[in-house]
Amino acid sequence: MKILVIDDDRAALEFAQRSLEEAGYQVTTLSSPEGVAVAVARELPDLVLLDVAMPGLSGVDIVRFLRAGRDTRDIPVVLYSVLDRNELDELTQRIGATAWIQKTESAQVLRDCIYRIRTQKLGR
């Protein structure tokens, strides 16, 4: 499974990358939302792990961009943020993201979230 991680926080980006690679996922990272269109077209990720609050394009803008594309509308998007659970739940539903996870969660919780989405996508 190919995962694109987009986060302007270097520590969070490296944590997510390391956590997911240890679980056997192929991970590509972007430390800025600029270039997301090129990265998505080039990588064709199976899932996007996305920070919500970034300078320039926000995570909300990126989800809207992905949902508008014929080839990208069905890519699962997991919001990755420091927002509280209620805010993340409301935002996920409002913008059509697949799931959310707080950045304060452990590597195992992150991997479990991705695993659940992966197995749902494969119909298991």
PDB file of N, CA and C in Angstrom:
ATOM      1  N   MET A   1       0.847  -1.183   0.000  1.00  0.00           N
ATOM      2  CA  MET A   1       0.000   0.000   0.000  1.00  0.00           C
ATOM      3  C   MET A   1       0.884   1.235   0.000  1.00  0.00           C
ATOM      4  N   LYS A   2       0.602   2.165  -0.908  1.00  0.00           N
ATOM      5  CA  LYS A   2       1.357   3.415  -1.004  1.00  0.00           C
ATOM      6  C   LYS A   2       0.614   4.521  -0.261  1.00  0.00           C
ATOM      7  N   ILE A   3       1.329   5.183   0.636  1.00  0.00           N
ATOM      8  CA  ILE A   3       0.740   6.252   1.445  1.00  0.00           C
ATOM      9  C   ILE A   3       1.504   7.540   1.207  1.00  0.00           C
ATOM     10  N   LEU A   4       0.779   8.607   0.931  1.00  0.00           N
ATOM     11  CA  LEU A   4       1.352   9.942   0.817  1.00  0.00           C
ATOM     12  C   LEU A   4       1.056  10.677   2.118  1.00  0.00           C
ATOM     13  N   VAL A   5       2.114  11.137   2.797  1.00  0.00           N
ATOM     14  CA  VAL A   5       1.971  11.888   4.044  1.00  0.00           C
ATOM     15  C   VAL A   5       2.320  13.339   3.753  1.00  0.00           C
ATOM     16  N   ILE A   6       1.412  14.253   4.096  1.00  0.00           N
ATOM     17  CA  ILE A   6       1.617  15.683   3.859  1.00  0.00           C
ATOM     18  C   ILE A   6       1.506  16.405   5.190  1.00  0.00           C
ATOM     19  N   ASP A   7       2.615  17.007   5.614  1.00  0.00           N
ATOM     20  CA  ASP A   7       2.631  17.704   6.905  1.00  0.00           C
ATOM     21  C   ASP A   7       3.789  18.690   6.910  1.00  0.00           C
ATOM     22  N   ASP A   8       3.533  19.923   7.331  1.00  0.00           N
ATOM     23  CA  ASP A   8       4.596  20.925   7.388  1.00  0.00           C
ATOM     24  C   ASP A   8       5.406  20.842   8.682  1.00  0.00           C
ATOM     25  N   ASP A   9       4.987  20.021   9.618  1.00  0.00           N
ATOM     26  CA  ASP A   9       5.712  19.813  10.874  1.00  0.00           C
ATOM     27  C   ASP A   9       6.690  18.651  10.659  1.00  0.00           C
ATOM     28  N   ARG A  10       7.966  18.952  10.584  1.00  0.00           N
ATOM     29  CA  ARG A  10       8.990  17.955  10.248  1.00  0.00           C
ATOM     30  C   ARG A  10       8.971  16.768  11.214  1.00  0.00           C
ATOM     31  N   ALA A  11       8.837  17.023  12.511  1.00  0.00           N
ATOM     32  CA  ALA A  11       8.839  15.940  13.489  1.00  0.00           C
ATOM     33  C   ALA A  11       7.639  15.011  13.285  1.00  0.00           C
ATOM     34  N   ALA A  12       6.465  15.579  13.056  1.00  0.00           N
ATOM     35  CA  ALA A  12       5.269  14.766  12.830  1.00  0.00           C
ATOM     36  C   ALA A  12       5.388  13.987  11.521  1.00  0.00           C
ATOM     37  N   LEU A  13       5.952  14.617  10.509  1.00  0.00           N
ATOM     38  CA  LEU A  13       6.145  13.967   9.213  1.00  0.00           C
ATOM     39  C   LEU A  13       7.073  12.763   9.344  1.00  0.00           C
ATOM     40  N   GLU A  14       8.183  12.949  10.031  1.00  0.00           N
ATOM     41  CA  GLU A  14       9.149  11.862  10.212  1.00  0.00           C
ATOM     42  C   GLU A  14       8.586  10.748  11.098  1.00  0.00           C
ATOM     43  N   PHE A  15       7.829  11.109  12.121  1.00  0.00           N
ATOM     44  CA  PHE A  15       7.200  10.113  12.984  1.00  0.00           C
ATOM     45  C   PHE A  15       6.234   9.240  12.190  1.00  0.00           C
ATOM     46  N   ALA A  16       5.373   9.885  11.405  1.00  0.00           N
ATOM     47  CA  ALA A  16       4.407   9.132  10.602  1.00  0.00           C
ATOM     48  C   ALA A  16       5.121   8.258   9.580  1.00  0.00           C
ATOM     49  N   GLN A  17       6.121   8.812   8.917  1.00  0.00           N
ATOM     50  CA  GLN A  17       6.860   8.043   7.911  1.00  0.00           C
ATOM     51  C   GLN A  17       7.499   6.802   8.536  1.00  0.00           C
ATOM     52  N   ARG A  18       8.210   6.992   9.616  1.00  0.00           N
ATOM     53  CA  ARG A  18       8.888   5.879  10.292  1.00  0.00           C
ATOM     54  C   ARG A  18       7.877   4.834  10.780  1.00  0.00           C
ATOM     55  N   SER A  19       6.804   5.298  11.390  1.00  0.00           N
ATOM     56  CA  SER A  19       5.785   4.391  11.929  1.00  0.00           C
ATOM     57  C   SER A  19       5.152   3.538  10.837  1.00  0.00           C
ATOM     58  N   LEU A  20       4.870   4.144   9.701  1.00  0.00           N
ATOM     59  CA  LEU A  20       4.212   3.426   8.615  1.00  0.00           C
ATOM     60  C   LEU A  20       5.182   2.539   7.842  1.00  0.00           C
ATOM     61  N   GLU A  21       6.407   2.995   7.658  1.00  0.00           N
ATOM     62  CA  GLU A  21       7.399   2.158   6.984  1.00  0.00           C
ATOM     63  C   GLU A  21       7.715   0.914   7.802  1.00  0.00           C
ATOM     64  N   GLU A  22       7.755   1.053   9.126  1.00  0.00           N
ATOM     65  CA  GLU A  22       7.990  -0.106   9.993  1.00  0.00           C
ATOM     66  C   GLU A  22       6.888  -1.150   9.848  1.00  0.00           C
ATOM     67  N   ALA A  23       5.697  -0.715   9.434  1.00  0.00           N
ATOM     68  CA  ALA A  23       4.581  -1.632   9.226  1.00  0.00           C
ATOM     69  C   ALA A  23       4.552  -2.171   7.792  1.00  0.00           C
ATOM     70  N   GLY A  24       5.533  -1.779   6.981  1.00  0.00           N
ATOM     71  CA  GLY A  24       5.639  -2.315   5.631  1.00  0.00           C
ATOM     72  C   GLY A  24       4.996  -1.493   4.534  1.00  0.00           C
ATOM     73  N   TYR A  25       4.523  -0.296   4.864  1.00  0.00           N
ATOM     74  CA  TYR A  25       3.911   0.558   3.850  1.00  0.00           C
ATOM     75  C   TYR A  25       4.981   1.309   3.061  1.00  0.00           C
ATOM     76  N   GLN A  26       4.682   1.613   1.803  1.00  0.00           N
ATOM     77  CA  GLN A  26       5.537   2.473   0.984  1.00  0.00           C
ATOM     78  C   GLN A  26       5.083   3.903   1.252  1.00  0.00           C
ATOM     79  N   VAL A  27       5.996   4.731   1.751  1.00  0.00           N
ATOM     80  CA  VAL A  27       5.614   6.079   2.175  1.00  0.00           C
ATOM     81  C   VAL A  27       6.366   7.128   1.374  1.00  0.00           C
ATOM     82  N   THR A  28       5.616   8.078   0.848  1.00  0.00           N
ATOM     83  CA  THR A  28       6.173   9.272   0.217  1.00  0.00           C
ATOM     84  C   THR A  28       5.736  10.448   1.073  1.00  0.00           C
ATOM     85  N   THR A  29       6.629  11.426   1.264  1.00  0.00           N
ATOM     86  CA  THR A  29       6.294  12.564   2.117  1.00  0.00           C
ATOM     87  C   THR A  29       6.386  13.874   1.353  1.00  0.00           C
ATOM     88  N   LEU A  30       5.569  14.812   1.788  1.00  0.00           N
ATOM     89  CA  LEU A  30       5.634  16.203   1.344  1.00  0.00           C
ATOM     90  C   LEU A  30       5.623  17.069   2.594  1.00  0.00           C
ATOM     91  N   SER A  31       6.589  17.967   2.700  1.00  0.00           N
ATOM     92  CA  SER A  31       6.649  18.839   3.872  1.00  0.00           C
ATOM     93  C   SER A  31       5.945  20.172   3.623  1.00  0.00           C
ATOM     94  N   SER A  32       5.301  20.278   2.477  1.00  0.00           N
ATOM     95  CA  SER A  32       4.573  21.488   2.115  1.00  0.00           C
ATOM     96  C   SER A  32       3.400  21.085   1.231  1.00  0.00           C
ATOM     97  N   PRO A  33       2.289  21.794   1.324  1.00  0.00           N
ATOM     98  CA  PRO A  33       1.159  21.434   0.470  1.00  0.00           C
ATOM     99  C   PRO A  33       1.381  21.785  -1.000  1.00  0.00           C
ATOM    100  N   GLU A  34       2.347  22.657  -1.278  1.00  0.00           N
ATOM    101  CA  GLU A  34       2.647  22.963  -2.664  1.00  0.00           C
ATOM    102  C   GLU A  34       3.192  21.705  -3.329  1.00  0.00           C
ATOM    103  N   GLY A  35       2.757  21.456  -4.515  1.00  0.00           N
ATOM    104  CA  GLY A  35       3.211  20.268  -5.225  1.00  0.00           C
ATOM    105  C   GLY A  35       2.361  19.042  -4.981  1.00  0.00           C
ATOM    106  N   VAL A  36       1.262  19.198  -4.248  1.00  0.00           N
ATOM    107  CA  VAL A  36       0.429  18.037  -3.944  1.00  0.00           C
ATOM    108  C   VAL A  36      -0.180  17.449  -5.213  1.00  0.00           C
ATOM    109  N   ALA A  37      -0.574  18.289  -6.159  1.00  0.00           N
ATOM    110  CA  ALA A  37      -1.183  17.776  -7.391  1.00  0.00           C
ATOM    111  C   ALA A  37      -0.193  16.911  -8.163  1.00  0.00           C
ATOM    112  N   VAL A  38       1.049  17.374  -8.252  1.00  0.00           N
ATOM    113  CA  VAL A  38       2.084  16.615  -8.955  1.00  0.00           C
ATOM    114  C   VAL A  38       2.378  15.315  -8.214  1.00  0.00           C
ATOM    115  N   ALA A  39       2.497  15.387  -6.899  1.00  0.00           N
ATOM    116  CA  ALA A  39       2.806  14.196  -6.099  1.00  0.00           C
ATOM    117  C   ALA A  39       1.700  13.153  -6.210  1.00  0.00           C
ATOM    118  N   VAL A  40       0.469  13.575  -6.171  1.00  0.00           N
ATOM    119  CA  VAL A  40      -0.645  12.636  -6.266  1.00  0.00           C
ATOM    120  C   VAL A  40      -0.670  11.994  -7.647  1.00  0.00           C
ATOM    121  N   ALA A  41      -0.471  12.797  -8.686  1.00  0.00           N
ATOM    122  CA  ALA A  41      -0.470  12.254 -10.052  1.00  0.00           C
ATOM    123  C   ALA A  41       0.696  11.291 -10.261  1.00  0.00           C
ATOM    124  N   ARG A  42       1.841  11.611  -9.705  1.00  0.00           N
ATOM    125  CA  ARG A  42       3.035  10.781  -9.869  1.00  0.00           C
ATOM    126  C   ARG A  42       2.956   9.499  -9.039  1.00  0.00           C
ATOM    127  N   GLU A  43       2.532   9.614  -7.800  1.00  0.00           N
ATOM    128  CA  GLU A  43       2.543   8.478  -6.871  1.00  0.00           C
ATOM    129  C   GLU A  43       1.283   7.626  -6.929  1.00  0.00           C
ATOM    130  N   LEU A  44       0.165   8.227  -7.290  1.00  0.00           N
ATOM    131  CA  LEU A  44      -1.124   7.540  -7.215  1.00  0.00           C
ATOM    132  C   LEU A  44      -1.252   6.765  -5.905  1.00  0.00           C
ATOM    133  N   PRO A  45      -1.259   7.501  -4.785  1.00  0.00           N
ATOM    134  CA  PRO A  45      -1.279   6.825  -3.476  1.00  0.00           C
ATOM    135  C   PRO A  45      -2.582   6.072  -3.243  1.00  0.00           C
ATOM    136  N   ASP A  46      -2.491   5.054  -2.415  1.00  0.00           N
ATOM    137  CA  ASP A  46      -3.671   4.304  -1.992  1.00  0.00           C
ATOM    138  C   ASP A  46      -4.363   4.995  -0.827  1.00  0.00           C
ATOM    139  N   LEU A  47      -3.626   5.905  -0.158  1.00  0.00           N
ATOM    140  CA  LEU A  47      -4.157   6.620   1.002  1.00  0.00           C
ATOM    141  C   LEU A  47      -3.331   7.878   1.204  1.00  0.00           C
ATOM    142  N   VAL A  48      -3.977   8.942   1.691  1.00  0.00           N
ATOM    143  CA  VAL A  48      -3.292  10.187   2.029  1.00  0.00           C
ATOM    144  C   VAL A  48      -3.488  10.456   3.517  1.00  0.00           C
ATOM    145  N   LEU A  49      -2.368  10.669   4.215  1.00  0.00           N
ATOM    146  CA  LEU A  49      -2.383  11.091   5.618  1.00  0.00           C
ATOM    147  C   LEU A  49      -2.046  12.572   5.596  1.00  0.00           C
ATOM    148  N   LEU A  50      -2.949  13.413   6.098  1.00  0.00           N
ATOM    149  CA  LEU A  50      -2.913  14.832   5.800  1.00  0.00           C
ATOM    150  C   LEU A  50      -3.071  15.714   7.031  1.00  0.00           C
ATOM    151  N   ASP A  51      -2.090  16.591   7.223  1.00  0.00           N
ATOM    152  CA  ASP A  51      -2.198  17.615   8.260  1.00  0.00           C
ATOM    153  C   ASP A  51      -3.323  18.572   7.872  1.00  0.00           C
ATOM    154  N   VAL A  52      -4.026  19.094   8.844  1.00  0.00           N
ATOM    155  CA  VAL A  52      -5.144  20.001   8.573  1.00  0.00           C
ATOM    156  C   VAL A  52      -4.668  21.436   8.410  1.00  0.00           C
ATOM    157  N   ALA A  53      -3.822  21.906   9.327  1.00  0.00           N
ATOM    158  CA  ALA A  53      -3.424  23.307   9.345  1.00  0.00           C
ATOM    159  C   ALA A  53      -2.011  23.469   8.786  1.00  0.00           C
ATOM    160  N   MET A  54      -1.942  23.962   7.554  1.00  0.00           N
ATOM    161  CA  MET A  54      -0.649  24.218   6.909  1.00  0.00           C
ATOM    162  C   MET A  54      -0.719  25.571   6.229  1.00  0.00           C
ATOM    163  N   PRO A  55       0.421  26.225   6.060  1.00  0.00           N
ATOM    164  CA  PRO A  55       0.415  27.503   5.341  1.00  0.00           C
ATOM    165  C   PRO A  55       0.120  27.276   3.858  1.00  0.00           C
ATOM    166  N   GLY A  56      -0.515  28.242   3.250  1.00  0.00           N
ATOM    167  CA  GLY A  56      -0.877  28.084   1.838  1.00  0.00           C
ATOM    168  C   GLY A  56      -2.138  27.264   1.730  1.00  0.00           C
ATOM    169  N   LEU A  57      -2.054  26.136   1.073  1.00  0.00           N
ATOM    170  CA  LEU A  57      -3.197  25.223   0.977  1.00  0.00           C
ATOM    171  C   LEU A  57      -3.402  24.515   2.307  1.00  0.00           C
ATOM    172  N   SER A  58      -4.615  24.532   2.794  1.00  0.00           N
ATOM    173  CA  SER A  58      -4.906  23.806   4.039  1.00  0.00           C
ATOM    174  C   SER A  58      -5.282  22.367   3.701  1.00  0.00           C
ATOM    175  N   GLY A  59      -5.352  21.551   4.719  1.00  0.00           N
ATOM    176  CA  GLY A  59      -5.806  20.181   4.531  1.00  0.00           C
ATOM    177  C   GLY A  59      -7.212  20.130   3.951  1.00  0.00           C
ATOM    178  N   VAL A  60      -8.056  21.072   4.336  1.00  0.00           N
ATOM    179  CA  VAL A  60      -9.418  21.141   3.801  1.00  0.00           C
ATOM    180  C   VAL A  60      -9.364  21.379   2.298  1.00  0.00           C
ATOM    181  N   ASP A  61      -8.511  22.306   1.864  1.00  0.00           N
ATOM    182  CA  ASP A  61      -8.362  22.578   0.428  1.00  0.00           C
ATOM    183  C   ASP A  61      -7.903  21.338  -0.321  1.00  0.00           C
ATOM    184  N   ILE A  62      -6.985  20.594   0.262  1.00  0.00           N
ATOM    185  CA  ILE A  62      -6.442  19.405  -0.397  1.00  0.00           C
ATOM    186  C   ILE A  62      -7.503  18.308  -0.498  1.00  0.00           C
ATOM    187  N   VAL A  63      -8.285  18.127   0.550  1.00  0.00           N
ATOM    188  CA  VAL A  63      -9.366  17.128   0.481  1.00  0.00           C
ATOM    189  C   VAL A  63     -10.347  17.519  -0.626  1.00  0.00           C
ATOM    190  N   ARG A  64     -10.713  18.773  -0.699  1.00  0.00           N
ATOM    191  CA  ARG A  64     -11.635  19.224  -1.753  1.00  0.00           C
ATOM    192  C   ARG A  64     -11.040  18.985  -3.141  1.00  0.00           C
ATOM    193  N   PHE A  65      -9.742  19.261  -3.293  1.00  0.00           N
ATOM    194  CA  PHE A  65      -9.051  19.010  -4.558  1.00  0.00           C
ATOM    195  C   PHE A  65      -9.114  17.520  -4.914  1.00  0.00           C
ATOM    196  N   LEU A  66      -8.816  16.663  -3.946  1.00  0.00           N
ATOM    197  CA  LEU A  66      -8.830  15.223  -4.202  1.00  0.00           C
ATOM    198  C   LEU A  66     -10.237  14.731  -4.541  1.00  0.00           C
ATOM    199  N   ARG A  67     -11.238  15.197  -3.811  1.00  0.00           N
ATOM    200  CA  ARG A  67     -12.612  14.744  -4.035  1.00  0.00           C
ATOM    201  C   ARG A  67     -13.161  15.225  -5.381  1.00  0.00           C
ATOM    202  N   ALA A  68     -12.603  16.288  -5.924  1.00  0.00           N
ATOM    203  CA  ALA A  68     -13.075  16.822  -7.208  1.00  0.00           C
ATOM    204  C   ALA A  68     -12.489  16.077  -8.405  1.00  0.00           C
ATOM    205  N   GLY A  69     -11.416  15.342  -8.208  1.00  0.00           N
ATOM    206  CA  GLY A  69     -10.753  14.663  -9.321  1.00  0.00           C
ATOM    207  C   GLY A  69     -11.341  13.295  -9.608  1.00  0.00           C
ATOM    208  N   ARG A  70     -11.520  12.994 -10.868  1.00  0.00           N
ATOM    209  CA  ARG A  70     -12.076  11.682 -11.267  1.00  0.00           C
ATOM    210  C   ARG A  70     -11.197  10.539 -10.774  1.00  0.00           C
ATOM    211  N   ASP A  71      -9.879  10.706 -10.873  1.00  0.00           N
ATOM    212  CA  ASP A  71      -8.954   9.634 -10.488  1.00  0.00           C
ATOM    213  C   ASP A  71      -8.581   9.651  -9.009  1.00  0.00           C
ATOM    214  N   THR A  72      -8.994  10.690  -8.296  1.00  0.00           N
ATOM    215  CA  THR A  72      -8.573  10.821  -6.901  1.00  0.00           C
ATOM    216  C   THR A  72      -9.724  10.840  -5.901  1.00  0.00           C
ATOM    217  N   ARG A  73     -10.938  10.902  -6.381  1.00  0.00           N
ATOM    218  CA  ARG A  73     -12.082  11.091  -5.461  1.00  0.00           C
ATOM    219  C   ARG A  73     -12.274   9.951  -4.471  1.00  0.00           C
ATOM    220  N   ASP A  74     -11.791   8.769  -4.822  1.00  0.00           N
ATOM    221  CA  ASP A  74     -11.990   7.621  -3.935  1.00  0.00           C
ATOM    222  C   ASP A  74     -10.774   7.284  -3.073  1.00  0.00           C
ATOM    223  N   ILE A  75      -9.727   8.096  -3.159  1.00  0.00           N
ATOM    224  CA  ILE A  75      -8.547   7.857  -2.319  1.00  0.00           C
ATOM    225  C   ILE A  75      -8.918   8.165  -0.864  1.00  0.00           C
ATOM    226  N   PRO A  76      -8.739   7.211   0.035  1.00  0.00           N
ATOM    227  CA  PRO A  76      -9.009   7.504   1.446  1.00  0.00           C
ATOM    228  C   PRO A  76      -8.072   8.595   1.966  1.00  0.00           C
ATOM    229  N   VAL A  77      -8.641   9.521   2.721  1.00  0.00           N
ATOM    230  CA  VAL A  77      -7.875  10.615   3.315  1.00  0.00           C
ATOM    231  C   VAL A  77      -8.077  10.580   4.820  1.00  0.00           C
ATOM    232  N   VAL A  78      -6.951  10.501   5.543  1.00  0.00           N
ATOM    233  CA  VAL A  78      -6.986  10.515   6.999  1.00  0.00           C
ATOM    234  C   VAL A  78      -6.427  11.865   7.460  1.00  0.00           C
ATOM    235  N   LEU A  79      -7.239  12.619   8.174  1.00  0.00           N
ATOM    236  CA  LEU A  79      -6.780  13.889   8.734  1.00  0.00           C
ATOM    237  C   LEU A  79      -5.888  13.589   9.931  1.00  0.00           C
ATOM    238  N   TYR A  80      -4.770  14.317  10.004  1.00  0.00           N
ATOM    239  CA  TYR A  80      -3.732  14.089  11.017  1.00  0.00           C
ATOM    240  C   TYR A  80      -3.478  15.432  11.674  1.00  0.00           C
ATOM    241  N   SER A  81      -3.928  15.603  12.910  1.00  0.00           N
ATOM    242  CA  SER A  81      -3.966  16.953  13.460  1.00  0.00           C
ATOM    243  C   SER A  81      -3.880  16.980  14.976  1.00  0.00           C
ATOM    244  N   VAL A  82      -3.627  18.179  15.505  1.00  0.00           N
ATOM    245  CA  VAL A  82      -3.652  18.397  16.948  1.00  0.00           C
ATOM    246  C   VAL A  82      -5.013  18.915  17.413  1.00  0.00           C
ATOM    247  N   LEU A  83      -5.953  19.091  16.491  1.00  0.00           N
ATOM    248  CA  LEU A  83      -7.297  19.511  16.878  1.00  0.00           C
ATOM    249  C   LEU A  83      -7.900  18.497  17.844  1.00  0.00           C
ATOM    250  N   ASP A  84      -8.871  18.952  18.635  1.00  0.00           N
ATOM    251  CA  ASP A  84      -9.493  18.008  19.564  1.00  0.00           C
ATOM    252  C   ASP A  84     -10.436  17.063  18.812  1.00  0.00           C
ATOM    253  N   ARG A  85     -10.809  15.998  19.480  1.00  0.00           N
ATOM    254  CA  ARG A  85     -11.593  14.927  18.853  1.00  0.00           C
ATOM    255  C   ARG A  85     -12.909  15.419  18.250  1.00  0.00           C
ATOM    256  N   ASN A  86     -13.604  16.282  18.956  1.00  0.00           N
ATOM    257  CA  ASN A  86     -14.885  16.787  18.453  1.00  0.00           C
ATOM    258  C   ASN A  86     -14.696  17.596  17.175  1.00  0.00           C
ATOM    259  N   GLU A  87     -13.682  18.463  17.176  1.00  0.00           N
ATOM    260  CA  GLU A  87     -13.407  19.259  15.977  1.00  0.00           C
ATOM    261  C   GLU A  87     -13.030  18.364  14.795  1.00  0.00           C
ATOM    262  N   LEU A  88     -12.183  17.380  15.056  1.00  0.00           N
ATOM    263  CA  LEU A  88     -11.767  16.470  13.985  1.00  0.00           C
ATOM    264  C   LEU A  88     -12.932  15.640  13.463  1.00  0.00           C
ATOM    265  N   ASP A  89     -13.777  15.191  14.340  1.00  0.00           N
ATOM    266  CA  ASP A  89     -14.928  14.397  13.920  1.00  0.00           C
ATOM    267  C   ASP A  89     -15.851  15.231  13.027  1.00  0.00           C
ATOM    268  N   GLU A  90     -16.144  16.443  13.455  1.00  0.00           N
ATOM    269  CA  GLU A  90     -17.019  17.330  12.676  1.00  0.00           C
ATOM    270  C   GLU A  90     -16.381  17.670  11.330  1.00  0.00           C
ATOM    271  N   LEU A  91     -15.100  18.009  11.340  1.00  0.00           N
ATOM    272  CA  LEU A  91     -14.405  18.379  10.110  1.00  0.00           C
ATOM    273  C   LEU A  91     -14.340  17.209   9.137  1.00  0.00           C
ATOM    274  N   THR A  92     -14.046  16.034   9.636  1.00  0.00           N
ATOM    275  CA  THR A  92     -13.972  14.833   8.790  1.00  0.00           C
ATOM    276  C   THR A  92     -15.298  14.607   8.076  1.00  0.00           C
ATOM    277  N   GLN A  93     -16.381  14.703   8.793  1.00  0.00           N
ATOM    278  CA  GLN A  93     -17.702  14.510   8.192  1.00  0.00           C
ATOM    279  C   GLN A  93     -18.034  15.627   7.202  1.00  0.00           C
ATOM    280  N   ARG A  94     -17.714  16.853   7.564  1.00  0.00           N
ATOM    281  CA  ARG A  94     -18.085  18.006   6.738  1.00  0.00           C
ATOM    282  C   ARG A  94     -17.368  18.018   5.395  1.00  0.00           C
ATOM    283  N   ILE A  95     -16.094  17.633   5.366  1.00  0.00           N
ATOM    284  CA  ILE A  95     -15.327  17.746   4.117  1.00  0.00           C
ATOM    285  C   ILE A  95     -15.195  16.429   3.355  1.00  0.00           C
ATOM    286  N   GLY A  96     -15.698  15.347   3.931  1.00  0.00           N
ATOM    287  CA  GLY A  96     -15.648  14.079   3.223  1.00  0.00           C
ATOM    288  C   GLY A  96     -14.342  13.326   3.353  1.00  0.00           C
ATOM    289  N   ALA A  97     -13.616  13.572   4.428  1.00  0.00           N
ATOM    290  CA  ALA A  97     -12.422  12.764   4.692  1.00  0.00           C
ATOM    291  C   ALA A  97     -12.877  11.391   5.178  1.00  0.00           C
ATOM    292  N   THR A  98     -11.968  10.446   5.184  1.00  0.00           N
ATOM    293  CA  THR A  98     -12.312   9.068   5.537  1.00  0.00           C
ATOM    294  C   THR A  98     -12.270   8.834   7.040  1.00  0.00           C
ATOM    295  N   ALA A  99     -11.253   9.406   7.687  1.00  0.00           N
ATOM    296  CA  ALA A  99     -11.042   9.189   9.117  1.00  0.00           C
ATOM    297  C   ALA A  99     -10.138  10.300   9.638  1.00  0.00           C
ATOM    298  N   TRP A 100      -9.876  10.251  10.934  1.00  0.00           N
ATOM    299  CA  TRP A 100      -8.946  11.209  11.537  1.00  0.00           C
ATOM    300  C   TRP A 100      -8.145  10.509  12.616  1.00  0.00           C
ATOM    301  N   ILE A 101      -6.990  11.102  12.900  1.00  0.00           N
ATOM    302  CA  ILE A 101      -6.173  10.641  14.018  1.00  0.00           C
ATOM    303  C   ILE A 101      -5.454  11.863  14.592  1.00  0.00           C
ATOM    304  N   GLN A 102      -5.367  11.904  15.898  1.00  0.00           N
ATOM    305  CA  GLN A 102      -4.644  13.005  16.540  1.00  0.00           C
ATOM    306  C   GLN A 102      -3.148  12.716  16.513  1.00  0.00           C
ATOM    307  N   LYS A 103      -2.373  13.764  16.350  1.00  0.00           N
ATOM    308  CA  LYS A 103      -0.917  13.620  16.299  1.00  0.00           C
ATOM    309  C   LYS A 103      -0.338  13.121  17.611  1.00  0.00           C
ATOM    310  N   THR A 104      -1.089  13.237  18.677  1.00  0.00           N
ATOM    311  CA  THR A 104      -0.592  12.791  19.982  1.00  0.00           C
ATOM    312  C   THR A 104      -0.726  11.284  20.171  1.00  0.00           C
ATOM    313  N   GLU A 105      -1.362  10.600  19.239  1.00  0.00           N
ATOM    314  CA  GLU A 105      -1.547   9.153  19.356  1.00  0.00           C
ATOM    315  C   GLU A 105      -0.232   8.410  19.099  1.00  0.00           C
ATOM    316  N   SER A 106      -0.181   7.179  19.549  1.00  0.00           N
ATOM    317  CA  SER A 106       1.022   6.357  19.386  1.00  0.00           C
ATOM    318  C   SER A 106       1.152   5.855  17.952  1.00  0.00           C
ATOM    319  N   ALA A 107       2.338   5.345  17.642  1.00  0.00           N
ATOM    320  CA  ALA A 107       2.581   4.755  16.324  1.00  0.00           C
ATOM    321  C   ALA A 107       1.624   3.593  16.078  1.00  0.00           C
ATOM    322  N   GLN A 108       1.345   2.812  17.097  1.00  0.00           N
ATOM    323  CA  GLN A 108       0.452   1.667  16.933  1.00  0.00           C
ATOM    324  C   GLN A 108      -0.968   2.110  16.601  1.00  0.00           C
ATOM    325  N   VAL A 109      -1.432   3.165  17.225  1.00  0.00           N
ATOM    326  CA  VAL A 109      -2.777   3.673  16.931  1.00  0.00           C
ATOM    327  C   VAL A 109      -2.834   4.173  15.486  1.00  0.00           C
ATOM    328  N   LEU A 110      -1.784   4.843  15.036  1.00  0.00           N
ATOM    329  CA  LEU A 110      -1.706   5.293  13.646  1.00  0.00           C
ATOM    330  C   LEU A 110      -1.762   4.098  12.699  1.00  0.00           C
ATOM    331  N   ARG A 111      -0.944   3.096  12.963  1.00  0.00           N
ATOM    332  CA  ARG A 111      -0.924   1.904  12.100  1.00  0.00           C
ATOM    333  C   ARG A 111      -2.267   1.176  12.118  1.00  0.00           C
ATOM    334  N   ASP A 112      -2.904   1.099  13.280  1.00  0.00           N
ATOM    335  CA  ASP A 112      -4.214   0.447  13.379  1.00  0.00           C
ATOM    336  C   ASP A 112      -5.259   1.182  12.541  1.00  0.00           C
ATOM    337  N   CYS A 113      -5.225   2.502  12.563  1.00  0.00           N
ATOM    338  CA  CYS A 113      -6.159   3.304  11.777  1.00  0.00           C
ATOM    339  C   CYS A 113      -5.983   3.009  10.287  1.00  0.00           C
ATOM    340  N   ILE A 114      -4.756   3.000   9.826  1.00  0.00           N
ATOM    341  CA  ILE A 114      -4.470   2.727   8.412  1.00  0.00           C
ATOM    342  C   ILE A 114      -4.876   1.295   8.065  1.00  0.00           C
ATOM    343  N   TYR A 115      -4.594   0.367   8.947  1.00  0.00           N
ATOM    344  CA  TYR A 115      -4.941  -1.031   8.701  1.00  0.00           C
ATOM    345  C   TYR A 115      -6.454  -1.202   8.541  1.00  0.00           C
ATOM    346  N   ARG A 116      -7.231  -0.551   9.406  1.00  0.00           N
ATOM    347  CA  ARG A 116      -8.696  -0.648   9.319  1.00  0.00           C
ATOM    348  C   ARG A 116      -9.195  -0.131   7.973  1.00  0.00           C
ATOM    349  N   ILE A 117      -8.651   0.979   7.528  1.00  0.00           N
ATOM    350  CA  ILE A 117      -9.062   1.555   6.240  1.00  0.00           C
ATOM    351  C   ILE A 117      -8.646   0.628   5.102  1.00  0.00           C
ATOM    352  N   ARG A 118      -7.466   0.094   5.194  1.00  0.00           N
ATOM    353  CA  ARG A 118      -6.962  -0.823   4.162  1.00  0.00           C
ATOM    354  C   ARG A 118      -7.843  -2.055   4.039  1.00  0.00           C
ATOM    355  N   THR A 119      -8.222  -2.637   5.163  1.00  0.00           N
ATOM    356  CA  THR A 119      -9.037  -3.844   5.102  1.00  0.00           C
ATOM    357  C   THR A 119     -10.462  -3.527   4.626  1.00  0.00           C
ATOM    358  N   GLN A 120     -10.988  -2.367   4.966  1.00  0.00           N
ATOM    359  CA  GLN A 120     -12.308  -1.958   4.469  1.00  0.00           C
ATOM    360  C   GLN A 120     -12.249  -1.746   2.963  1.00  0.00           C
ATOM    361  N   LYS A 121     -11.175  -1.122   2.487  1.00  0.00           N
ATOM    362  CA  LYS A 121     -11.017  -0.848   1.063  1.00  0.00           C
ATOM    363  C   LYS A 121     -10.917  -2.146   0.269  1.00  0.00           C
ATOM    364  N   LEU A 122     -10.282  -3.144   0.850  1.00  0.00           N
ATOM    365  CA  LEU A 122     -10.125  -4.431   0.170  1.00  0.00           C
ATOM    366  C   LEU A 122     -11.339  -5.328   0.358  1.00  0.00           C
ATOM    367  N   GLY A 123     -12.303  -4.865   1.156  1.00  0.00           N
ATOM    368  CA  GLY A 123     -13.528  -5.618   1.362  1.00  0.00           C
ATOM    369  C   GLY A 123     -13.388  -6.827   2.259  1.00  0.00           C
ATOM    370  N   ARG A 124     -12.454  -6.738   3.192  1.00  0.00           N
ATOM    371  CA  ARG A 124     -12.231  -7.854   4.129  1.00  0.00           C
ATOM    372  C   ARG A 124     -12.955  -7.643   5.414  1.00  0.00           C
TER     373      ARG A 124
END
